[in-house]
Amino acid sequence: MTDLLYVAALVILANVAVSAWRVLHGPARADRIMGAQLIGTSGVALLVLLYLIHGSSGVLDLALLLALLAAFAAVGYVKSRSADGAGDPEVAGGEDP
């Protein structure tokens, strides 16, 4: 069973590598933030798998912290794309649709 978990961890690690390439070479900012979100999600999955393999509770705490930071990164991206900083990038100048 442990070997299967290690293989799954390697597949997720390959996903992180492909996402890092998208972050570095993405043509648009949206592509880069989606790659960063995928790195965050894959990183959480990888850390949870490592927790299942080794049983260290510190790894699980790190996975929760990474999930929290990925969520803050998404909120920061949306707020930076909005005209008034309120968080809705489709509304220009803070007007209601």
PDB file of N, CA and C in Angstrom:
ATOM      1  N   MET A   1       0.822  -1.202   0.000  1.00  0.00           N
ATOM      2  CA  MET A   1       0.000   0.000   0.000  1.00  0.00           C
ATOM      3  C   MET A   1       0.863   1.261   0.000  1.00  0.00           C
ATOM      4  N   THR A   2       1.974   1.197   0.728  1.00  0.00           N
ATOM      5  CA  THR A   2       2.859   2.355   0.795  1.00  0.00           C
ATOM      6  C   THR A   2       3.465   2.667  -0.566  1.00  0.00           C
ATOM      7  N   ASP A   3       3.766   1.621  -1.337  1.00  0.00           N
ATOM      8  CA  ASP A   3       4.329   1.853  -2.669  1.00  0.00           C
ATOM      9  C   ASP A   3       3.343   2.596  -3.563  1.00  0.00           C
ATOM     10  N   LEU A   4       2.067   2.273  -3.456  1.00  0.00           N
ATOM     11  CA  LEU A   4       1.042   2.959  -4.239  1.00  0.00           C
ATOM     12  C   LEU A   4       0.956   4.435  -3.845  1.00  0.00           C
ATOM     13  N   LEU A   5       1.075   4.710  -2.556  1.00  0.00           N
ATOM     14  CA  LEU A   5       1.043   6.098  -2.103  1.00  0.00           C
ATOM     15  C   LEU A   5       2.263   6.871  -2.604  1.00  0.00           C
ATOM     16  N   TYR A   6       3.413   6.225  -2.643  1.00  0.00           N
ATOM     17  CA  TYR A   6       4.615   6.875  -3.184  1.00  0.00           C
ATOM     18  C   TYR A   6       4.462   7.169  -4.678  1.00  0.00           C
ATOM     19  N   VAL A   7       3.848   6.260  -5.415  1.00  0.00           N
ATOM     20  CA  VAL A   7       3.617   6.491  -6.852  1.00  0.00           C
ATOM     21  C   VAL A   7       2.646   7.658  -7.038  1.00  0.00           C
ATOM     22  N   ALA A   8       1.598   7.705  -6.238  1.00  0.00           N
ATOM     23  CA  ALA A   8       0.656   8.824  -6.309  1.00  0.00           C
ATOM     24  C   ALA A   8       1.354  10.140  -5.965  1.00  0.00           C
ATOM     25  N   ALA A   9       2.245  10.116  -4.985  1.00  0.00           N
ATOM     26  CA  ALA A   9       2.995  11.322  -4.618  1.00  0.00           C
ATOM     27  C   ALA A   9       3.903  11.777  -5.764  1.00  0.00           C
ATOM     28  N   LEU A  10       4.501  10.838  -6.479  1.00  0.00           N
ATOM     29  CA  LEU A  10       5.344  11.201  -7.627  1.00  0.00           C
ATOM     30  C   LEU A  10       4.524  11.805  -8.761  1.00  0.00           C
ATOM     31  N   VAL A  11       3.325  11.289  -8.989  1.00  0.00           N
ATOM     32  CA  VAL A  11       2.451  11.858 -10.018  1.00  0.00           C
ATOM     33  C   VAL A  11       2.052  13.279  -9.638  1.00  0.00           C
ATOM     34  N   ILE A  12       1.723  13.489  -8.387  1.00  0.00           N
ATOM     35  CA  ILE A  12       1.356  14.836  -7.939  1.00  0.00           C
ATOM     36  C   ILE A  12       2.559  15.770  -8.004  1.00  0.00           C
ATOM     37  N   LEU A  13       3.736  15.260  -7.705  1.00  0.00           N
ATOM     38  CA  LEU A  13       4.948  16.074  -7.810  1.00  0.00           C
ATOM     39  C   LEU A  13       5.211  16.480  -9.262  1.00  0.00           C
ATOM     40  N   ALA A  14       4.940  15.589 -10.200  1.00  0.00           N
ATOM     41  CA  ALA A  14       5.052  15.943 -11.622  1.00  0.00           C
ATOM     42  C   ALA A  14       4.042  17.025 -11.987  1.00  0.00           C
ATOM     43  N   ASN A  15       2.858  16.960 -11.396  1.00  0.00           N
ATOM     44  CA  ASN A  15       1.848  17.996 -11.621  1.00  0.00           C
ATOM     45  C   ASN A  15       2.332  19.350 -11.104  1.00  0.00           C
ATOM     46  N   VAL A  16       3.011  19.353  -9.976  1.00  0.00           N
ATOM     47  CA  VAL A  16       3.574  20.588  -9.430  1.00  0.00           C
ATOM     48  C   VAL A  16       4.628  21.161 -10.385  1.00  0.00           C
ATOM     49  N   ALA A  17       5.440  20.287 -10.973  1.00  0.00           N
ATOM     50  CA  ALA A  17       6.479  20.742 -11.897  1.00  0.00           C
ATOM     51  C   ALA A  17       5.866  21.375 -13.145  1.00  0.00           C
ATOM     52  N   VAL A  18       4.822  20.771 -13.685  1.00  0.00           N
ATOM     53  CA  VAL A  18       4.156  21.328 -14.865  1.00  0.00           C
ATOM     54  C   VAL A  18       3.491  22.661 -14.507  1.00  0.00           C
ATOM     55  N   SER A  19       2.914  22.741 -13.334  1.00  0.00           N
ATOM     56  CA  SER A  19       2.292  23.999 -12.896  1.00  0.00           C
ATOM     57  C   SER A  19       3.331  25.095 -12.703  1.00  0.00           C
ATOM     58  N   ALA A  20       4.496  24.733 -12.193  1.00  0.00           N
ATOM     59  CA  ALA A  20       5.563  25.724 -12.027  1.00  0.00           C
ATOM     60  C   ALA A  20       6.017  26.257 -13.385  1.00  0.00           C
ATOM     61  N   TRP A  21       6.034  25.397 -14.398  1.00  0.00           N
ATOM     62  CA  TRP A  21       6.374  25.861 -15.748  1.00  0.00           C
ATOM     63  C   TRP A  21       5.338  26.868 -16.232  1.00  0.00           C
ATOM     64  N   ARG A  22       4.055  26.618 -15.939  1.00  0.00           N
ATOM     65  CA  ARG A  22       2.992  27.547 -16.348  1.00  0.00           C
ATOM     66  C   ARG A  22       3.131  28.882 -15.619  1.00  0.00           C
ATOM     67  N   VAL A  23       3.514  28.834 -14.360  1.00  0.00           N
ATOM     68  CA  VAL A  23       3.696  30.076 -13.613  1.00  0.00           C
ATOM     69  C   VAL A  23       4.847  30.887 -14.201  1.00  0.00           C
ATOM     70  N   LEU A  24       5.918  30.221 -14.572  1.00  0.00           N
ATOM     71  CA  LEU A  24       7.085  30.932 -15.102  1.00  0.00           C
ATOM     72  C   LEU A  24       6.901  31.406 -16.537  1.00  0.00           C
ATOM     73  N   HIS A  25       6.155  30.649 -17.360  1.00  0.00           N
ATOM     74  CA  HIS A  25       6.052  30.954 -18.784  1.00  0.00           C
ATOM     75  C   HIS A  25       4.630  31.253 -19.244  1.00  0.00           C
ATOM     76  N   GLY A  26       3.718  31.494 -18.320  1.00  0.00           N
ATOM     77  CA  GLY A  26       2.327  31.736 -18.700  1.00  0.00           C
ATOM     78  C   GLY A  26       2.185  33.019 -19.496  1.00  0.00           C
ATOM     79  N   PRO A  27       1.386  33.004 -20.554  1.00  0.00           N
ATOM     80  CA  PRO A  27       1.262  34.214 -21.370  1.00  0.00           C
ATOM     81  C   PRO A  27       0.497  35.342 -20.678  1.00  0.00           C
ATOM     82  N   ALA A  28      -0.368  35.017 -19.733  1.00  0.00           N
ATOM     83  CA  ALA A  28      -1.177  36.063 -19.084  1.00  0.00           C
ATOM     84  C   ALA A  28      -1.103  35.895 -17.569  1.00  0.00           C
ATOM     85  N   ARG A  29      -1.500  36.952 -16.872  1.00  0.00           N
ATOM     86  CA  ARG A  29      -1.498  36.888 -15.407  1.00  0.00           C
ATOM     87  C   ARG A  29      -2.471  35.846 -14.891  1.00  0.00           C
ATOM     88  N   ALA A  30      -3.599  35.678 -15.584  1.00  0.00           N
ATOM     89  CA  ALA A  30      -4.580  34.683 -15.145  1.00  0.00           C
ATOM     90  C   ALA A  30      -4.005  33.272 -15.252  1.00  0.00           C
ATOM     91  N   ASP A  31      -3.219  33.004 -16.302  1.00  0.00           N
ATOM     92  CA  ASP A  31      -2.579  31.694 -16.428  1.00  0.00           C
ATOM     93  C   ASP A  31      -1.605  31.459 -15.285  1.00  0.00           C
ATOM     94  N   ARG A  32      -0.895  32.495 -14.923  1.00  0.00           N
ATOM     95  CA  ARG A  32       0.081  32.365 -13.844  1.00  0.00           C
ATOM     96  C   ARG A  32      -0.594  32.113 -12.495  1.00  0.00           C
ATOM     97  N   ILE A  33      -1.690  32.820 -12.215  1.00  0.00           N
ATOM     98  CA  ILE A  33      -2.352  32.612 -10.923  1.00  0.00           C
ATOM     99  C   ILE A  33      -3.041  31.250 -10.883  1.00  0.00           C
ATOM    100  N   MET A  34      -3.549  30.783 -12.023  1.00  0.00           N
ATOM    101  CA  MET A  34      -4.141  29.437 -12.041  1.00  0.00           C
ATOM    102  C   MET A  34      -3.067  28.375 -11.803  1.00  0.00           C
ATOM    103  N   GLY A  35      -1.878  28.594 -12.361  1.00  0.00           N
ATOM    104  CA  GLY A  35      -0.763  27.682 -12.089  1.00  0.00           C
ATOM    105  C   GLY A  35      -0.376  27.704 -10.624  1.00  0.00           C
ATOM    106  N   ALA A  36      -0.370  28.892 -10.040  1.00  0.00           N
ATOM    107  CA  ALA A  36      -0.040  29.004  -8.613  1.00  0.00           C
ATOM    108  C   ALA A  36      -1.098  28.319  -7.753  1.00  0.00           C
ATOM    109  N   GLN A  37      -2.365  28.451  -8.126  1.00  0.00           N
ATOM    110  CA  GLN A  37      -3.421  27.762  -7.391  1.00  0.00           C
ATOM    111  C   GLN A  37      -3.287  26.245  -7.509  1.00  0.00           C
ATOM    112  N   LEU A  38      -2.905  25.782  -8.706  1.00  0.00           N
ATOM    113  CA  LEU A  38      -2.709  24.345  -8.893  1.00  0.00           C
ATOM    114  C   LEU A  38      -1.514  23.841  -8.087  1.00  0.00           C
ATOM    115  N   ILE A  39      -0.478  24.669  -7.979  1.00  0.00           N
ATOM    116  CA  ILE A  39       0.660  24.294  -7.128  1.00  0.00           C
ATOM    117  C   ILE A  39       0.213  24.182  -5.667  1.00  0.00           C
ATOM    118  N   GLY A  40      -0.612  25.128  -5.235  1.00  0.00           N
ATOM    119  CA  GLY A  40      -1.107  25.078  -3.860  1.00  0.00           C
ATOM    120  C   GLY A  40      -1.955  23.851  -3.600  1.00  0.00           C
ATOM    121  N   THR A  41      -2.865  23.548  -4.521  1.00  0.00           N
ATOM    122  CA  THR A  41      -3.738  22.391  -4.354  1.00  0.00           C
ATOM    123  C   THR A  41      -2.943  21.081  -4.418  1.00  0.00           C
ATOM    124  N   SER A  42      -2.035  21.008  -5.384  1.00  0.00           N
ATOM    125  CA  SER A  42      -1.209  19.803  -5.504  1.00  0.00           C
ATOM    126  C   SER A  42      -0.273  19.658  -4.311  1.00  0.00           C
ATOM    127  N   GLY A  43       0.221  20.770  -3.809  1.00  0.00           N
ATOM    128  CA  GLY A  43       1.077  20.723  -2.628  1.00  0.00           C
ATOM    129  C   GLY A  43       0.339  20.208  -1.405  1.00  0.00           C
ATOM    130  N   VAL A  44      -0.909  20.626  -1.255  1.00  0.00           N
ATOM    131  CA  VAL A  44      -1.713  20.124  -0.139  1.00  0.00           C
ATOM    132  C   VAL A  44      -1.939  18.621  -0.298  1.00  0.00           C
ATOM    133  N   ALA A  45      -2.271  18.185  -1.511  1.00  0.00           N
ATOM    134  CA  ALA A  45      -2.479  16.747  -1.747  1.00  0.00           C
ATOM    135  C   ALA A  45      -1.204  15.958  -1.481  1.00  0.00           C
ATOM    136  N   LEU A  46      -0.076  16.501  -1.903  1.00  0.00           N
ATOM    137  CA  LEU A  46       1.205  15.826  -1.682  1.00  0.00           C
ATOM    138  C   LEU A  46       1.521  15.718  -0.190  1.00  0.00           C
ATOM    139  N   LEU A  47       1.287  16.789   0.539  1.00  0.00           N
ATOM    140  CA  LEU A  47       1.557  16.757   1.973  1.00  0.00           C
ATOM    141  C   LEU A  47       0.612  15.813   2.712  1.00  0.00           C
ATOM    142  N   VAL A  48      -0.644  15.734   2.279  1.00  0.00           N
ATOM    143  CA  VAL A  48      -1.574  14.794   2.910  1.00  0.00           C
ATOM    144  C   VAL A  48      -1.139  13.354   2.629  1.00  0.00           C
ATOM    145  N   LEU A  49      -0.666  13.095   1.412  1.00  0.00           N
ATOM    146  CA  LEU A  49      -0.144  11.754   1.114  1.00  0.00           C
ATOM    147  C   LEU A  49       1.067  11.426   1.975  1.00  0.00           C
ATOM    148  N   LEU A  50       1.954  12.399   2.147  1.00  0.00           N
ATOM    149  CA  LEU A  50       3.115  12.165   3.006  1.00  0.00           C
ATOM    150  C   LEU A  50       2.703  11.944   4.457  1.00  0.00           C
ATOM    151  N   TYR A  51       1.644  12.622   4.878  1.00  0.00           N
ATOM    152  CA  TYR A  51       1.120  12.378   6.223  1.00  0.00           C
ATOM    153  C   TYR A  51       0.606  10.941   6.344  1.00  0.00           C
ATOM    154  N   LEU A  52      -0.095  10.470   5.307  1.00  0.00           N
ATOM    155  CA  LEU A  52      -0.608   9.099   5.352  1.00  0.00           C
ATOM    156  C   LEU A  52       0.519   8.072   5.363  1.00  0.00           C
ATOM    157  N   ILE A  53       1.621   8.391   4.693  1.00  0.00           N
ATOM    158  CA  ILE A  53       2.743   7.458   4.629  1.00  0.00           C
ATOM    159  C   ILE A  53       3.509   7.428   5.952  1.00  0.00           C
ATOM    160  N   HIS A  54       3.821   8.628   6.471  1.00  0.00           N
ATOM    161  CA  HIS A  54       4.707   8.705   7.636  1.00  0.00           C
ATOM    162  C   HIS A  54       3.983   8.928   8.963  1.00  0.00           C
ATOM    163  N   GLY A  55       2.801   9.516   8.937  1.00  0.00           N
ATOM    164  CA  GLY A  55       2.032   9.707  10.154  1.00  0.00           C
ATOM    165  C   GLY A  55       2.456  10.883  11.010  1.00  0.00           C
ATOM    166  N   SER A  56       3.252  11.791  10.480  1.00  0.00           N
ATOM    167  CA  SER A  56       3.705  12.945  11.249  1.00  0.00           C
ATOM    168  C   SER A  56       2.644  14.044  11.204  1.00  0.00           C
ATOM    169  N   SER A  57       2.179  14.476  12.353  1.00  0.00           N
ATOM    170  CA  SER A  57       1.110  15.473  12.389  1.00  0.00           C
ATOM    171  C   SER A  57       1.592  16.850  11.947  1.00  0.00           C
ATOM    172  N   GLY A  58       2.889  17.102  12.019  1.00  0.00           N
ATOM    173  CA  GLY A  58       3.423  18.380  11.557  1.00  0.00           C
ATOM    174  C   GLY A  58       3.238  18.566  10.063  1.00  0.00           C
ATOM    175  N   VAL A  59       3.288  17.483   9.309  1.00  0.00           N
ATOM    176  CA  VAL A  59       3.084  17.550   7.866  1.00  0.00           C
ATOM    177  C   VAL A  59       1.638  17.939   7.565  1.00  0.00           C
ATOM    178  N   LEU A  60       0.700  17.414   8.330  1.00  0.00           N
ATOM    179  CA  LEU A  60      -0.700  17.765   8.138  1.00  0.00           C
ATOM    180  C   LEU A  60      -0.944  19.236   8.471  1.00  0.00           C
ATOM    181  N   ASP A  61      -0.299  19.741   9.515  1.00  0.00           N
ATOM    182  CA  ASP A  61      -0.407  21.163   9.842  1.00  0.00           C
ATOM    183  C   ASP A  61       0.142  22.033   8.720  1.00  0.00           C
ATOM    184  N   LEU A  62       1.235  21.610   8.125  1.00  0.00           N
ATOM    185  CA  LEU A  62       1.817  22.340   7.003  1.00  0.00           C
ATOM    186  C   LEU A  62       0.879  22.337   5.802  1.00  0.00           C
ATOM    187  N   ALA A  63       0.174  21.229   5.563  1.00  0.00           N
ATOM    188  CA  ALA A  63      -0.791  21.157   4.467  1.00  0.00           C
ATOM    189  C   ALA A  63      -1.930  22.153   4.683  1.00  0.00           C
ATOM    190  N   LEU A  64      -2.409  22.255   5.903  1.00  0.00           N
ATOM    191  CA  LEU A  64      -3.475  23.215   6.201  1.00  0.00           C
ATOM    192  C   LEU A  64      -2.995  24.653   6.025  1.00  0.00           C
ATOM    193  N   LEU A  65      -1.773  24.923   6.418  1.00  0.00           N
ATOM    194  CA  LEU A  65      -1.209  26.259   6.245  1.00  0.00           C
ATOM    195  C   LEU A  65      -1.069  26.606   4.768  1.00  0.00           C
ATOM    196  N   LEU A  66      -0.620  25.647   3.959  1.00  0.00           N
ATOM    197  CA  LEU A  66      -0.486  25.887   2.521  1.00  0.00           C
ATOM    198  C   LEU A  66      -1.845  26.139   1.876  1.00  0.00           C
ATOM    199  N   ALA A  67      -2.877  25.432   2.297  1.00  0.00           N
ATOM    200  CA  ALA A  67      -4.225  25.655   1.773  1.00  0.00           C
ATOM    201  C   ALA A  67      -4.710  27.064   2.114  1.00  0.00           C
ATOM    202  N   LEU A  68      -4.422  27.515   3.307  1.00  0.00           N
ATOM    203  CA  LEU A  68      -4.810  28.856   3.722  1.00  0.00           C
ATOM    204  C   LEU A  68      -4.080  29.928   2.917  1.00  0.00           C
ATOM    205  N   LEU A  69      -2.786  29.753   2.703  1.00  0.00           N
ATOM    206  CA  LEU A  69      -2.017  30.723   1.922  1.00  0.00           C
ATOM    207  C   LEU A  69      -2.454  30.756   0.466  1.00  0.00           C
ATOM    208  N   ALA A  70      -2.815  29.610  -0.105  1.00  0.00           N
ATOM    209  CA  ALA A  70      -3.299  29.574  -1.487  1.00  0.00           C
ATOM    210  C   ALA A  70      -4.618  30.328  -1.616  1.00  0.00           C
ATOM    211  N   ALA A  71      -5.476  30.211  -0.627  1.00  0.00           N
ATOM    212  CA  ALA A  71      -6.740  30.950  -0.663  1.00  0.00           C
ATOM    213  C   ALA A  71      -6.487  32.454  -0.578  1.00  0.00           C
ATOM    214  N   PHE A  72      -5.560  32.885   0.267  1.00  0.00           N
ATOM    215  CA  PHE A  72      -5.236  34.308   0.347  1.00  0.00           C
ATOM    216  C   PHE A  72      -4.629  34.826  -0.945  1.00  0.00           C
ATOM    217  N   ALA A  73      -3.855  34.002  -1.634  1.00  0.00           N
ATOM    218  CA  ALA A  73      -3.274  34.404  -2.914  1.00  0.00           C
ATOM    219  C   ALA A  73      -4.358  34.640  -3.950  1.00  0.00           C
ATOM    220  N   ALA A  74      -5.375  33.793  -3.968  1.00  0.00           N
ATOM    221  CA  ALA A  74      -6.477  33.969  -4.921  1.00  0.00           C
ATOM    222  C   ALA A  74      -7.254  35.251  -4.620  1.00  0.00           C
ATOM    223  N   VAL A  75      -7.507  35.511  -3.357  1.00  0.00           N
ATOM    224  CA  VAL A  75      -8.217  36.742  -2.984  1.00  0.00           C
ATOM    225  C   VAL A  75      -7.385  37.967  -3.350  1.00  0.00           C
ATOM    226  N   GLY A  76      -6.099  37.905  -3.110  1.00  0.00           N
ATOM    227  CA  GLY A  76      -5.225  39.021  -3.470  1.00  0.00           C
ATOM    228  C   GLY A  76      -5.203  39.277  -4.966  1.00  0.00           C
ATOM    229  N   TYR A  77      -5.213  38.216  -5.757  1.00  0.00           N
ATOM    230  CA  TYR A  77      -5.233  38.380  -7.215  1.00  0.00           C
ATOM    231  C   TYR A  77      -6.519  39.048  -7.671  1.00  0.00           C
ATOM    232  N   VAL A  78      -7.654  38.595  -7.151  1.00  0.00           N
ATOM    233  CA  VAL A  78      -8.942  39.174  -7.555  1.00  0.00           C
ATOM    234  C   VAL A  78      -9.014  40.633  -7.150  1.00  0.00           C
ATOM    235  N   LYS A  79      -8.549  40.950  -5.961  1.00  0.00           N
ATOM    236  CA  LYS A  79      -8.582  42.346  -5.525  1.00  0.00           C
ATOM    237  C   LYS A  79      -7.636  43.222  -6.341  1.00  0.00           C
ATOM    238  N   SER A  80      -6.514  42.686  -6.783  1.00  0.00           N
ATOM    239  CA  SER A  80      -5.587  43.491  -7.574  1.00  0.00           C
ATOM    240  C   SER A  80      -6.104  43.744  -8.980  1.00  0.00           C
ATOM    241  N   ARG A  81      -6.988  42.883  -9.483  1.00  0.00           N
ATOM    242  CA  ARG A  81      -7.521  43.037 -10.833  1.00  0.00           C
ATOM    243  C   ARG A  81      -8.735  43.952 -10.876  1.00  0.00           C
ATOM    244  N   SER A  82      -9.329  44.276  -9.730  1.00  0.00           N
ATOM    245  CA  SER A  82     -10.514  45.127  -9.746  1.00  0.00           C
ATOM    246  C   SER A  82     -10.096  46.590  -9.791  1.00  0.00           C
ATOM    247  N   ALA A  83     -10.940  47.380 -10.416  1.00  0.00           N
ATOM    248  CA  ALA A  83     -10.620  48.797 -10.610  1.00  0.00           C
ATOM    249  C   ALA A  83     -10.605  49.559  -9.289  1.00  0.00           C
ATOM    250  N   ASP A  84     -11.504  49.219  -8.385  1.00  0.00           N
ATOM    251  CA  ASP A  84     -11.583  49.956  -7.124  1.00  0.00           C
ATOM    252  C   ASP A  84     -11.003  49.200  -5.935  1.00  0.00           C
ATOM    253  N   GLY A  85     -10.502  47.999  -6.163  1.00  0.00           N
ATOM    254  CA  GLY A  85      -9.929  47.216  -5.087  1.00  0.00           C
ATOM    255  C   GLY A  85     -10.945  46.506  -4.231  1.00  0.00           C
ATOM    256  N   ALA A  86     -12.223  46.544  -4.639  1.00  0.00           N
ATOM    257  CA  ALA A  86     -13.273  45.907  -3.851  1.00  0.00           C
ATOM    258  C   ALA A  86     -13.355  44.409  -4.096  1.00  0.00           C
ATOM    259  N   GLY A  87     -12.821  43.948  -5.212  1.00  0.00           N
ATOM    260  CA  GLY A  87     -12.794  42.520  -5.437  1.00  0.00           C
ATOM    261  C   GLY A  87     -13.563  42.032  -6.645  1.00  0.00           C
ATOM    262  N   ASP A  88     -14.295  42.886  -7.349  1.00  0.00           N
ATOM    263  CA  ASP A  88     -15.022  42.433  -8.534  1.00  0.00           C
ATOM    264  C   ASP A  88     -14.336  43.001  -9.764  1.00  0.00           C
ATOM    265  N   PRO A  89     -13.543  42.188 -10.479  1.00  0.00           N
ATOM    266  CA  PRO A  89     -12.782  42.713 -11.615  1.00  0.00           C
ATOM    267  C   PRO A  89     -13.648  43.078 -12.811  1.00  0.00           C
ATOM    268  N   GLU A  90     -14.917  42.623 -12.842  1.00  0.00           N
ATOM    269  CA  GLU A  90     -15.771  42.922 -13.978  1.00  0.00           C
ATOM    270  C   GLU A  90     -16.456  44.266 -13.845  1.00  0.00           C
ATOM    271  N   VAL A  91     -16.515  44.802 -12.658  1.00  0.00           N
ATOM    272  CA  VAL A  91     -17.180  46.081 -12.432  1.00  0.00           C
ATOM    273  C   VAL A  91     -16.144  47.184 -12.517  1.00  0.00           C
ATOM    274  N   ALA A  92     -16.320  48.092 -13.429  1.00  0.00           N
ATOM    275  CA  ALA A  92     -15.382  49.198 -13.604  1.00  0.00           C
ATOM    276  C   ALA A  92     -15.758  50.347 -12.679  1.00  0.00           C
ATOM    277  N   GLY A  93     -14.804  50.792 -11.887  1.00  0.00           N
ATOM    278  CA  GLY A  93     -15.010  51.962 -11.051  1.00  0.00           C
ATOM    279  C   GLY A  93     -15.946  51.742  -9.882  1.00  0.00           C
ATOM    280  N   GLY A  94     -16.230  50.505  -9.521  1.00  0.00           N
ATOM    281  CA  GLY A  94     -17.064  50.228  -8.353  1.00  0.00           C
ATOM    282  C   GLY A  94     -18.548  50.358  -8.612  1.00  0.00           C
ATOM    283  N   GLU A  95     -18.977  50.441  -9.872  1.00  0.00           N
ATOM    284  CA  GLU A  95     -20.408  50.564 -10.167  1.00  0.00           C
ATOM    285  C   GLU A  95     -21.063  49.204 -10.061  1.00  0.00           C
ATOM    286  N   ASP A  96     -22.315  49.182  -9.685  1.00  0.00           N
ATOM    287  CA  ASP A  96     -23.057  47.932  -9.655  1.00  0.00           C
ATOM    288  C   ASP A  96     -23.428  47.550 -11.086  1.00  0.00           C
ATOM    289  N   PRO A  97     -23.447  46.241 -11.387  1.00  0.00           N
ATOM    290  CA  PRO A  97     -23.783  45.827 -12.761  1.00  0.00           C
ATOM    291  C   PRO A  97     -25.213  46.102 -13.135  1.00  0.00           C
TER     292      PRO A  97
END
